[in-house]
Protein backbone atom coordinates (compact mmCIF):
# COMPACT_ATOMS: atom_id res chain seq x y z
CA MET A 1 63.63 -30.86 -109.82
CA ALA A 2 60.57 -32.73 -111.20
CA VAL A 3 58.99 -35.68 -109.43
CA ASN A 4 57.35 -38.65 -111.13
CA LYS A 5 53.81 -39.65 -109.94
CA ASP A 6 55.40 -42.99 -108.95
CA LYS A 7 57.29 -41.00 -106.63
CA ARG A 8 60.49 -41.94 -108.04
CA GLU A 9 62.95 -38.85 -107.80
CA VAL A 10 63.88 -37.74 -111.25
CA ASP A 11 67.79 -37.96 -111.29
CA GLU A 12 70.46 -35.95 -113.48
CA ASP A 13 70.52 -38.99 -115.71
CA ASP A 14 66.81 -38.30 -116.57
CA TYR A 15 67.76 -34.63 -117.41
CA ARG A 16 70.68 -35.75 -119.55
CA ARG A 17 68.56 -38.33 -121.56
CA VAL A 18 65.57 -36.10 -122.18
CA ARG A 19 68.22 -33.51 -123.50
CA GLU A 20 69.71 -36.49 -125.82
CA LEU A 21 66.61 -37.60 -127.07
CA HIS A 22 65.36 -34.15 -127.74
CA ALA A 23 68.62 -33.50 -129.67
CA LEU A 24 68.03 -36.40 -131.60
CA GLY A 25 64.40 -34.69 -132.88
CA MET A 26 62.30 -37.57 -130.57
CA GLY A 27 59.00 -35.98 -129.41
CA ARG A 28 57.75 -36.16 -125.82
CA ASN A 29 55.66 -39.15 -125.84
CA ALA A 30 58.74 -41.34 -127.59
CA ILE A 31 61.12 -39.95 -124.86
CA ALA A 32 58.73 -40.65 -122.28
CA ARG A 33 58.39 -44.29 -123.38
CA GLU A 34 62.19 -44.60 -123.79
CA ILE A 35 63.27 -43.09 -120.25
CA GLY A 36 59.93 -44.97 -118.70
CA ARG A 37 58.69 -41.68 -117.24
CA ALA A 38 55.05 -39.96 -117.47
CA GLN A 39 54.67 -37.75 -120.48
CA ARG A 40 54.06 -35.04 -118.04
CA THR A 41 57.45 -35.43 -116.27
CA VAL A 42 59.01 -35.06 -119.61
CA SER A 43 57.22 -32.28 -120.06
CA VAL A 44 58.21 -30.54 -116.95
CA ILE A 45 61.89 -31.74 -117.43
CA ALA A 46 61.81 -29.99 -120.97
CA ALA A 47 60.47 -26.94 -119.76
CA GLU A 48 63.29 -26.61 -116.84
CA LEU A 49 66.11 -27.27 -119.75
CA GLU A 50 64.09 -24.90 -122.06
CA LEU A 51 63.51 -27.57 -125.08
CA VAL A 52 60.55 -27.06 -127.02
CA PHE A 53 59.20 -30.04 -129.08
CA ASP A 54 58.22 -29.74 -132.83
CA THR A 55 54.52 -29.62 -133.04
CA SER A 56 54.11 -29.36 -136.59
CA MET A 57 53.31 -32.77 -137.11
CA THR A 58 50.84 -32.80 -134.46
CA GLU A 59 49.57 -29.82 -136.18
CA GLU A 60 49.20 -31.55 -139.65
CA ALA A 61 47.48 -34.52 -137.96
CA THR A 62 45.12 -32.11 -136.42
CA ALA A 63 44.46 -30.26 -139.62
CA ALA A 64 44.06 -33.76 -141.37
CA ARG A 65 41.59 -34.89 -138.86
CA VAL A 66 39.49 -31.71 -138.85
CA ALA A 67 39.58 -32.07 -142.76
CA GLN A 68 38.22 -35.45 -142.97
CA LEU A 69 35.55 -34.80 -140.11
CA ALA A 70 34.47 -31.88 -142.56
CA ALA A 71 34.09 -34.25 -145.30
CA LEU A 72 32.21 -36.59 -143.27
CA ARG A 73 29.92 -33.89 -142.12
CA ALA A 74 29.60 -32.91 -145.88
CA ASP A 75 28.58 -36.57 -146.81
CA THR A 76 26.06 -37.15 -144.27
CA ALA A 77 24.53 -33.75 -144.92
CA LEU A 78 24.18 -34.93 -148.32
CA HIS A 79 22.69 -38.01 -147.56
CA LEU A 80 20.14 -36.35 -145.38
CA HIS A 81 19.56 -34.30 -148.15
CA LEU A 82 18.82 -37.36 -150.30
CA ASP A 83 16.52 -38.73 -147.86
CA ALA A 84 14.43 -35.68 -147.13
CA LEU A 85 13.81 -35.89 -151.13
CA LYS A 86 12.95 -39.60 -150.89
CA LEU A 87 10.53 -38.87 -147.96
CA THR A 88 8.71 -35.83 -149.75
CA GLN A 89 8.35 -38.10 -152.75
CA GLN A 90 6.68 -40.70 -150.87
CA MET A 91 3.69 -38.21 -150.36
CA TRP A 92 2.54 -38.36 -153.88
CA GLU A 93 3.20 -42.27 -154.53
CA PRO A 94 0.82 -45.07 -154.18
CA ALA A 95 1.03 -46.55 -150.45
CA VAL A 96 -0.38 -49.56 -148.48
CA VAL A 97 -2.55 -49.06 -145.53
CA TYR A 98 -3.28 -51.23 -142.99
CA ASN A 99 -4.96 -52.00 -139.56
CA PHE A 100 -4.76 -54.43 -136.81
CA GLY A 101 -7.80 -54.79 -134.89
CA GLY A 102 -10.62 -56.13 -133.85
CA LYS A 103 -11.65 -58.86 -131.33
CA ASP A 104 -9.43 -61.33 -133.13
CA ASN A 105 -6.77 -58.96 -133.71
CA THR A 106 -7.34 -59.39 -137.44
CA PHE A 107 -4.76 -57.39 -140.36
CA ALA A 108 -6.70 -55.69 -142.96
CA SER A 109 -4.75 -53.75 -145.84
CA ARG A 110 -5.29 -51.98 -149.15
CA GLU A 111 -3.55 -50.10 -151.77
CA VAL A 112 -4.08 -46.39 -152.07
CA ASP A 113 -3.20 -43.78 -154.40
CA GLU A 114 -1.17 -41.47 -151.86
CA PRO A 115 -0.84 -41.99 -148.11
CA PRO A 116 -3.62 -40.38 -145.82
CA ALA A 117 -2.96 -36.91 -144.67
CA ALA A 118 -1.60 -38.16 -141.07
CA ASP A 119 1.13 -40.02 -142.90
CA LYS A 120 2.04 -37.21 -145.04
CA LYS A 121 2.35 -35.38 -142.20
CA SER A 122 4.83 -37.77 -140.63
CA LEU A 123 6.51 -37.98 -144.02
CA MET A 124 6.83 -34.11 -144.22
CA THR A 125 7.93 -33.90 -140.47
CA ALA A 126 10.80 -36.41 -140.92
CA ALA A 127 11.83 -34.68 -144.26
CA GLY A 128 11.89 -31.37 -142.28
CA ILE A 129 14.13 -32.81 -139.38
CA ALA A 130 16.49 -34.49 -142.01
CA LEU A 131 16.92 -31.01 -143.70
CA GLU A 132 16.96 -29.24 -140.67
CA LYS A 133 19.71 -31.53 -139.23
CA SER A 134 21.78 -31.25 -142.64
CA LEU A 135 21.74 -27.46 -142.63
CA LYS A 136 23.19 -27.73 -138.84
CA LEU A 137 26.20 -29.78 -140.29
CA VAL A 138 26.95 -27.96 -143.42
CA PRO A 139 25.31 -24.32 -142.78
CA PRO A 140 25.00 -22.51 -146.24
CA ALA A 141 28.03 -20.51 -147.28
CA ASP A 142 26.53 -17.24 -147.35
CA ASP A 143 23.18 -15.18 -147.34
CA ALA A 144 23.78 -13.38 -150.13
CA GLY A 145 21.05 -15.02 -152.13
CA ALA A 146 18.33 -14.25 -149.66
CA GLU A 147 19.24 -10.72 -149.65
CA ASP A 148 18.93 -10.50 -153.39
CA ALA A 149 15.43 -12.31 -153.11
CA ARG A 150 14.47 -9.73 -150.53
CA SER A 151 15.64 -6.80 -152.60
CA MET A 152 13.80 -8.19 -155.62
CA LEU A 153 10.49 -8.64 -153.86
CA GLY A 154 10.91 -5.07 -152.22
CA GLN A 155 11.19 -3.83 -155.75
CA LEU A 156 8.17 -5.94 -156.84
CA MET A 157 6.17 -4.55 -154.00
CA VAL A 158 6.98 -1.01 -155.14
CA GLY A 159 6.06 -1.79 -158.82
CA LEU A 160 2.86 -3.51 -157.84
CA LYS A 161 1.79 -0.35 -155.80
CA ALA A 162 2.65 1.94 -158.28
CA ALA A 163 0.32 0.08 -160.97
CA TYR A 164 -2.58 -0.12 -158.27
CA ASP A 165 -2.16 3.56 -157.79
CA GLN A 166 -2.21 4.16 -161.61
CA ALA A 167 -5.24 1.84 -161.83
CA VAL A 168 -7.14 3.82 -159.05
CA SER A 169 -6.60 7.01 -160.62
CA GLU A 170 -7.79 5.80 -163.89
CA GLU A 171 -10.98 4.75 -162.73
CA GLY A 172 -12.03 7.81 -161.04
CA GLY A 173 -9.51 9.29 -159.03
CA ALA A 174 -9.55 8.75 -155.24
CA GLY A 175 -11.91 5.97 -155.37
CA GLU A 176 -12.58 4.08 -152.20
CA GLU A 177 -10.96 1.05 -151.34
CA ALA A 178 -12.99 -2.35 -150.63
CA GLU A 179 -12.78 -3.95 -147.36
CA GLY A 180 -9.74 -6.59 -147.35
CA GLU A 181 -8.06 -4.44 -150.14
CA SER A 182 -4.72 -3.21 -149.84
CA PRO A 183 -3.20 -0.03 -151.54
């Protein structure tokens, strides 16, 4: 026989009420509230009575939450991509450079055609982090495009090698390669 955590013995009335309320279609949590027992106690009583609770509503609610989280991840990934785009655009736009300094801690600023190299590096780093986080949130669906690109590049290399070999043979046979050239 089950014992509740408040040390109050579970009696036959608890078993009867769990059976009745279960037959009415009530869930474990609702039954626990109704009879004033812990959810775990109701679960133990139900198991002893070989009663099973319908979990389809819980499963549907969980599926809905999972779908909501996926949508939020997709939205966040989109915003991170847009942020990365804005950051990279700033690398080529006019900017204001400024400095505080001197013994009087003066402020000086001026407009430049584009940010200094150090600022461009910071912008690119921030954009890279945004893209990396975006891709972790929503990874690309497949890698088929990458495989196609590798295949195309491989075919291009074979074609270039054949063209090189033909050019070398037309220039005089087995000509020697200059340093740094590849066959």
